[in-house]
Protein backbone atom coordinates (compact mmCIF):
# COMPACT_ATOMS: atom_id res chain seq x y z
CA MET A 1 -26.78 -57.96 -44.09
CA PHE A 2 -24.93 -54.84 -45.28
CA LEU A 3 -22.32 -53.07 -43.14
CA LEU A 4 -21.21 -49.57 -44.16
CA ARG A 5 -17.81 -48.19 -43.17
CA ASP A 6 -19.35 -44.84 -42.23
CA GLN A 7 -21.94 -42.32 -43.40
CA SER A 8 -19.68 -40.38 -45.75
CA ALA A 9 -21.00 -39.27 -49.15
CA HIS A 10 -18.64 -41.69 -50.90
CA ILE A 11 -20.02 -44.70 -49.03
CA GLN A 12 -23.64 -43.55 -49.29
CA SER A 13 -23.30 -43.12 -53.06
CA ALA A 14 -21.99 -46.68 -53.46
CA TRP A 15 -24.74 -48.03 -51.19
CA GLU A 16 -27.39 -46.22 -53.26
CA GLN A 17 -26.01 -47.80 -56.43
CA ILE A 18 -26.11 -51.29 -54.90
CA HIS A 19 -29.48 -50.71 -53.22
CA ASN A 20 -31.07 -49.63 -56.50
CA HIS A 21 -29.79 -52.82 -58.13
CA LEU A 22 -31.18 -54.95 -55.29
CA GLN A 23 -34.58 -53.25 -55.46
CA ALA A 24 -34.82 -54.26 -59.10
CA GLN A 25 -34.58 -57.93 -58.08
CA SER A 26 -38.06 -59.24 -57.32
CA SER A 27 -36.83 -62.02 -55.02
CA VAL A 28 -34.52 -59.86 -52.89
CA TYR A 29 -35.34 -58.17 -49.59
CA VAL A 30 -32.74 -56.18 -47.65
CA SER A 31 -33.33 -57.03 -44.01
CA ALA A 32 -30.75 -54.77 -42.33
CA VAL A 33 -28.19 -52.07 -43.03
CA SER A 34 -25.82 -50.84 -40.32
CA ILE A 35 -22.68 -48.84 -39.64
CA ILE A 36 -19.91 -51.26 -38.59
CA GLU A 37 -19.52 -49.85 -35.06
CA ASP A 38 -23.28 -50.20 -34.43
CA PHE A 39 -23.48 -53.83 -35.52
CA SER A 40 -23.86 -56.72 -33.10
CA PRO A 41 -23.57 -60.21 -34.62
CA HIS A 42 -25.67 -61.63 -31.79
CA ASP A 43 -28.65 -59.59 -32.97
CA SER A 44 -28.70 -61.05 -36.47
CA GLU A 45 -29.15 -64.38 -38.17
CA VAL A 46 -27.62 -63.86 -41.60
CA ASP A 47 -25.93 -66.02 -44.22
CA LEU A 48 -23.55 -63.37 -45.55
CA VAL A 49 -22.33 -59.95 -44.44
CA VAL A 50 -21.48 -57.47 -47.20
CA VAL A 51 -18.98 -54.82 -46.09
CA LEU A 52 -18.84 -51.53 -47.99
CA GLY A 53 -15.54 -49.76 -47.44
CA GLY A 54 -12.16 -51.36 -47.85
CA ASP A 55 -9.76 -53.68 -46.08
CA GLY A 56 -9.77 -51.41 -43.02
CA ALA A 57 -13.55 -51.70 -42.82
CA ILE A 58 -13.27 -55.49 -42.96
CA LEU A 59 -10.71 -55.44 -40.13
CA ARG A 60 -13.10 -53.39 -37.98
CA ALA A 61 -16.05 -55.63 -38.87
CA CYS A 62 -14.02 -58.72 -37.93
CA ARG A 63 -13.24 -57.36 -34.48
CA GLN A 64 -16.84 -56.19 -34.04
CA MET A 65 -18.04 -59.75 -34.60
CA ARG A 66 -15.70 -61.00 -31.87
CA LEU A 67 -16.32 -64.73 -31.25
CA LYS A 68 -19.28 -64.94 -33.63
CA GLN A 69 -17.56 -64.60 -37.00
CA LEU A 70 -19.96 -64.46 -39.94
CA PRO A 71 -19.01 -65.01 -43.61
CA MET A 72 -18.09 -61.72 -45.28
CA ILE A 73 -17.65 -60.34 -48.76
CA GLY A 74 -16.09 -56.94 -49.32
CA VAL A 75 -16.94 -54.13 -51.72
CA ASN A 76 -13.80 -52.05 -52.12
CA LEU A 77 -14.23 -48.30 -51.73
CA GLY A 78 -10.72 -47.84 -50.38
CA ARG A 79 -7.37 -48.21 -52.11
CA LEU A 80 -5.59 -51.56 -52.62
CA GLY A 81 -8.38 -53.88 -51.49
CA PHE A 82 -6.68 -57.24 -50.89
CA LEU A 83 -9.72 -58.49 -48.97
CA ALA A 84 -12.43 -56.21 -50.34
CA ASP A 85 -11.69 -56.65 -54.02
CA LEU A 86 -15.15 -56.27 -55.61
CA THR A 87 -16.17 -52.90 -57.01
CA PRO A 88 -19.83 -51.82 -56.61
CA GLU A 89 -20.26 -52.66 -60.31
CA GLY A 90 -18.59 -56.04 -59.78
CA PHE A 91 -20.89 -56.81 -56.86
CA CYS A 92 -23.97 -56.06 -58.96
CA LYS A 93 -22.60 -58.08 -61.87
CA ASN A 94 -21.96 -61.11 -59.66
CA PHE A 95 -25.04 -60.73 -57.49
CA ALA A 96 -26.85 -63.66 -59.13
CA LEU A 97 -23.97 -65.96 -58.12
CA ILE A 98 -24.04 -64.55 -54.58
CA LEU A 99 -27.82 -64.97 -54.35
CA GLU A 100 -27.51 -68.60 -55.45
CA ARG A 101 -24.74 -69.11 -52.88
CA LYS A 102 -22.26 -69.99 -55.60
CA TYR A 103 -19.36 -68.74 -53.57
CA LYS A 104 -16.72 -70.47 -51.49
CA ILE A 105 -16.16 -69.65 -47.83
CA VAL A 106 -12.42 -69.59 -47.12
CA GLU A 107 -11.34 -69.53 -43.47
CA HIS A 108 -8.31 -67.49 -42.45
CA LEU A 109 -6.15 -67.39 -39.35
CA MET A 110 -6.93 -64.77 -36.70
CA PHE A 111 -4.91 -64.05 -33.57
CA GLU A 112 -5.49 -63.26 -29.92
CA CYS A 113 -3.07 -60.85 -28.30
CA LYS A 114 -2.87 -60.60 -24.51
CA HIS A 115 -1.27 -57.40 -23.25
CA ILE A 116 -0.03 -58.33 -19.77
CA LYS A 117 0.89 -55.05 -18.14
CA ALA A 118 3.58 -54.52 -15.52
CA ASP A 119 0.89 -53.79 -12.93
CA GLY A 120 -0.78 -57.16 -13.53
CA ASN A 121 -3.76 -55.94 -15.56
CA VAL A 122 -4.46 -57.83 -18.78
CA ASP A 123 -6.12 -56.57 -21.96
CA SER A 124 -7.01 -59.00 -24.76
CA TYR A 125 -7.41 -58.16 -28.43
CA LEU A 126 -8.76 -60.18 -31.35
CA GLY A 127 -7.20 -59.33 -34.70
CA LEU A 128 -6.75 -60.36 -38.31
CA ASN A 129 -3.66 -58.59 -39.67
CA GLU A 130 -0.87 -57.98 -37.20
CA VAL A 131 0.48 -57.09 -33.78
CA VAL A 132 3.15 -54.38 -33.72
CA ILE A 133 5.43 -53.07 -30.98
CA SER A 134 6.67 -49.74 -32.29
CA SER A 135 9.03 -47.14 -30.88
CA ALA A 136 6.68 -44.73 -32.67
CA GLY A 137 7.03 -41.14 -31.48
CA ALA A 138 10.05 -42.00 -29.34
CA LEU A 139 12.29 -41.68 -32.42
CA SER A 140 14.74 -44.11 -30.86
CA MET A 141 15.44 -47.84 -30.95
CA ILE A 142 13.56 -50.41 -28.93
CA ASP A 143 14.92 -53.85 -27.99
CA VAL A 144 12.21 -56.52 -28.26
CA GLU A 145 12.90 -60.04 -27.01
CA LEU A 146 11.04 -62.83 -28.82
CA ALA A 147 10.35 -66.27 -27.33
CA VAL A 148 8.46 -69.03 -29.16
CA ASP A 149 6.86 -71.65 -26.90
CA ASN A 150 8.91 -70.16 -24.05
CA GLU A 151 12.21 -70.74 -25.89
CA LEU A 152 14.25 -67.60 -26.53
CA VAL A 153 14.71 -66.80 -30.21
CA THR A 154 16.57 -63.48 -30.20
CA THR A 155 16.36 -59.82 -29.28
CA TYR A 156 15.46 -57.48 -32.13
CA SER A 157 16.87 -53.97 -31.95
CA GLY A 158 15.29 -51.41 -34.24
CA ASP A 159 12.12 -49.40 -34.71
CA GLY A 160 9.92 -52.29 -33.59
CA LEU A 161 8.64 -55.76 -34.38
CA ILE A 162 5.65 -57.11 -36.31
CA ILE A 163 3.92 -60.45 -35.82
CA SER A 164 1.60 -60.97 -38.77
CA THR A 165 -0.91 -63.50 -40.03
CA PRO A 166 -0.82 -64.60 -43.68
CA VAL A 167 -3.67 -62.17 -44.40
CA GLY A 168 -1.60 -59.41 -42.81
CA SER A 169 1.56 -60.39 -44.70
CA THR A 170 0.62 -57.97 -47.50
CA ALA A 171 0.15 -55.08 -45.06
CA HIS A 172 2.67 -53.53 -42.63
CA SER A 173 4.90 -56.61 -42.69
CA LEU A 174 5.33 -56.38 -46.47
CA SER A 175 6.25 -52.70 -46.18
CA ALA A 176 8.92 -53.67 -43.64
CA GLY A 177 10.44 -56.25 -46.00
CA GLY A 178 8.53 -59.34 -44.87
CA PRO A 179 7.50 -62.21 -47.18
CA ILE A 180 4.09 -62.70 -48.79
CA LEU A 181 2.28 -65.77 -47.45
CA LYS A 182 -0.65 -67.39 -49.14
CA GLN A 183 -3.65 -66.47 -47.06
CA ASP A 184 -4.81 -69.96 -46.11
CA LEU A 185 -1.53 -70.96 -44.43
CA GLN A 186 -1.45 -71.62 -40.68
CA ALA A 187 1.61 -69.60 -39.81
CA PHE A 188 2.83 -66.32 -38.34
CA VAL A 189 5.46 -63.99 -39.82
CA ILE A 190 7.86 -62.17 -37.49
CA THR A 191 9.26 -59.08 -39.22
CA PRO A 192 11.65 -56.58 -37.62
CA ILE A 193 11.12 -52.91 -38.48
CA CYS A 194 14.38 -51.26 -39.59
CA PRO A 195 16.57 -53.73 -37.61
CA HIS A 196 19.87 -52.38 -36.31
CA THR A 197 21.48 -55.74 -37.12
CA PRO A 198 21.13 -56.56 -40.85
CA SER A 199 21.27 -60.30 -40.08
CA ASN A 200 17.89 -60.09 -38.30
CA ARG A 201 15.70 -61.42 -41.10
CA PRO A 202 11.94 -62.13 -41.15
CA LEU A 203 10.96 -65.48 -39.65
CA VAL A 204 7.98 -67.74 -40.42
CA ASP A 205 6.76 -70.22 -37.79
CA ASN A 206 3.79 -72.41 -36.92
CA ALA A 207 0.53 -70.74 -35.90
CA ASN A 208 0.03 -73.23 -33.06
CA CYS A 209 2.98 -71.80 -31.11
CA LEU A 210 2.91 -69.25 -28.29
CA TYR A 211 4.73 -66.03 -29.21
CA SER A 212 5.93 -63.90 -26.29
CA LEU A 213 7.32 -60.39 -26.64
CA THR A 214 9.04 -58.42 -23.90
CA ALA A 215 11.11 -55.24 -23.80
CA ALA A 216 13.19 -54.34 -20.75
CA ASN A 217 13.99 -50.78 -21.78
CA VAL A 218 11.08 -49.07 -23.48
CA PRO A 219 11.40 -45.48 -24.73
CA GLU A 220 8.62 -43.07 -23.88
CA GLY A 221 6.06 -43.02 -26.67
CA ALA A 222 6.32 -46.71 -27.59
CA MET A 223 3.03 -48.21 -28.75
CA LEU A 224 1.23 -51.51 -29.15
CA VAL A 225 -0.70 -51.43 -32.42
CA ILE A 226 -3.37 -53.98 -33.41
CA ASP A 227 -4.33 -54.12 -37.10
CA GLY A 228 -3.14 -50.54 -37.54
CA GLN A 229 -6.32 -49.36 -35.78
CA ILE A 230 -6.01 -50.02 -32.04
CA LYS A 231 -3.11 -48.06 -30.52
CA VAL A 232 -2.24 -48.25 -26.82
CA PRO A 233 0.90 -47.29 -24.86
CA TYR A 234 3.49 -50.01 -24.30
CA SER A 235 5.66 -49.72 -21.18
CA ALA A 236 8.70 -51.36 -19.62
CA GLY A 237 7.73 -54.60 -17.88
CA ASP A 238 4.76 -55.25 -20.18
CA ARG A 239 4.54 -58.58 -21.98
CA LEU A 240 2.62 -59.67 -25.07
CA GLU A 241 1.39 -63.19 -25.70
CA ILE A 242 0.15 -63.89 -29.24
CA THR A 243 -1.66 -67.11 -30.09
CA LYS A 244 -3.93 -68.50 -32.75
CA ALA A 245 -7.50 -67.35 -32.08
CA SER A 246 -10.30 -69.81 -31.43
CA VAL A 247 -12.26 -68.33 -34.35
CA THR A 248 -11.39 -67.75 -38.00
CA PHE A 249 -12.08 -64.97 -40.46
CA LYS A 250 -14.55 -66.31 -43.03
CA LEU A 251 -14.19 -64.69 -46.46
CA ALA A 252 -16.57 -65.41 -49.33
CA ARG A 253 -14.92 -65.82 -52.70
CA ILE A 254 -16.91 -65.84 -55.93
CA PRO A 255 -15.96 -68.25 -58.76
CA GLY A 256 -12.93 -67.23 -60.79
CA PHE A 257 -10.93 -65.75 -57.92
CA ASN A 258 -7.17 -66.25 -58.32
CA TYR A 259 -4.83 -65.21 -55.48
CA TYR A 260 -1.71 -64.71 -57.59
CA SER A 261 -3.57 -62.80 -60.31
CA ARG A 262 -4.84 -60.46 -57.63
CA LEU A 263 -1.34 -59.97 -56.22
CA ASN A 264 -0.09 -59.23 -59.71
CA ARG A 265 -2.84 -56.66 -60.23
CA LYS A 266 -2.77 -55.03 -56.81
CA LEU A 267 1.02 -54.86 -56.42
CA GLY A 268 1.71 -53.92 -60.03
CA TRP A 269 4.00 -56.85 -60.76
CA GLY A 270 5.20 -56.07 -64.26
CA GLY A 271 7.27 -59.15 -65.07
CA GLN A 272 10.40 -58.72 -67.19
CA PRO A 273 11.51 -55.19 -68.08
CA LYS A 274 11.04 -54.11 -71.69
CA TYR A 275 14.68 -53.89 -72.75
CA GLY A 276 15.31 -51.40 -75.51
CA ALA A 277 11.95 -49.65 -75.05
CA GLU A 278 11.98 -45.90 -75.28
C-alpha cells in the first residue's frame, strides 16, 4: 500500500520513479495508491504502508490510521526526515529486502490527549510527536501548571509548554532546548518554551503516568497544538490530560539502520573542531 502526501508535481515525480521500478519486477503487483487524507485502514489488508512525503506525512498517516496502526516505511521527500529517511533511490535499492520482509518492525510510543474544555465538552486527539500549549499570537506569557499522577510538579511561566514522546524529542522539544531520547524509550519529555525562570529545566518521566496541564489565566490567542498540525484555541478553565495511547506507531527499519549515525547525519554533528584550520 502506497500513501502519497499530496498530488503535487514533486510527489508525483517520485511516485513515478518508484512505480516504474516496481513495474519492472515480475512478482510485484501494486494493489492500492492513495492520498493520506483519503485512506482508511479498515478498508485494506496490507503488510506494509509506504508513505511518500516526509515526517509530516508520516504524522498525518499515523493519525489517519487511528486505532488500527499498520507498519510503515517512509520515503523522504521533505527536509530532515528522522522517520522517513529513505530516498526514492534508496527505496528502489532496498526493495528486494522489503519484498522478502527482511525488515524489523519497531514500535514507538504514541499519546492520547484529552482536551477537557471549561464548558464540559471533551475532544480527544491521537498523536506521535508532541502536545503543545502555546501563547502563540498573544505575544505574552502563559502560566501552565503541570501535575503528574495528580501530584503538582510546578507552574511554568513562559511562551508555553511541550510534552513530547521520544520520537518527538527531535522536533519542537529539541528546538526549545529539550533532550534527545532514543526512540524506543517509554517516557515523556516536558520542555518549557522560553521559560521566565531559568531554573525551569526539561523533565523526563515515565510514559505510564497521567500528565495534567491547566492554565488559570490564558491570554487571547493561546493555542493547543498537536504534532504541529492540529491547532485549536485554548481557553481559561480548559484542562489537558495526556496519557500513553493504547496503540503504538509501527516503523519498519531495513537492515543496517543505526540511530546515532542518523542523528549525526541529520543534525550535522561535526565532532571536534579542526583547530588551526584556515
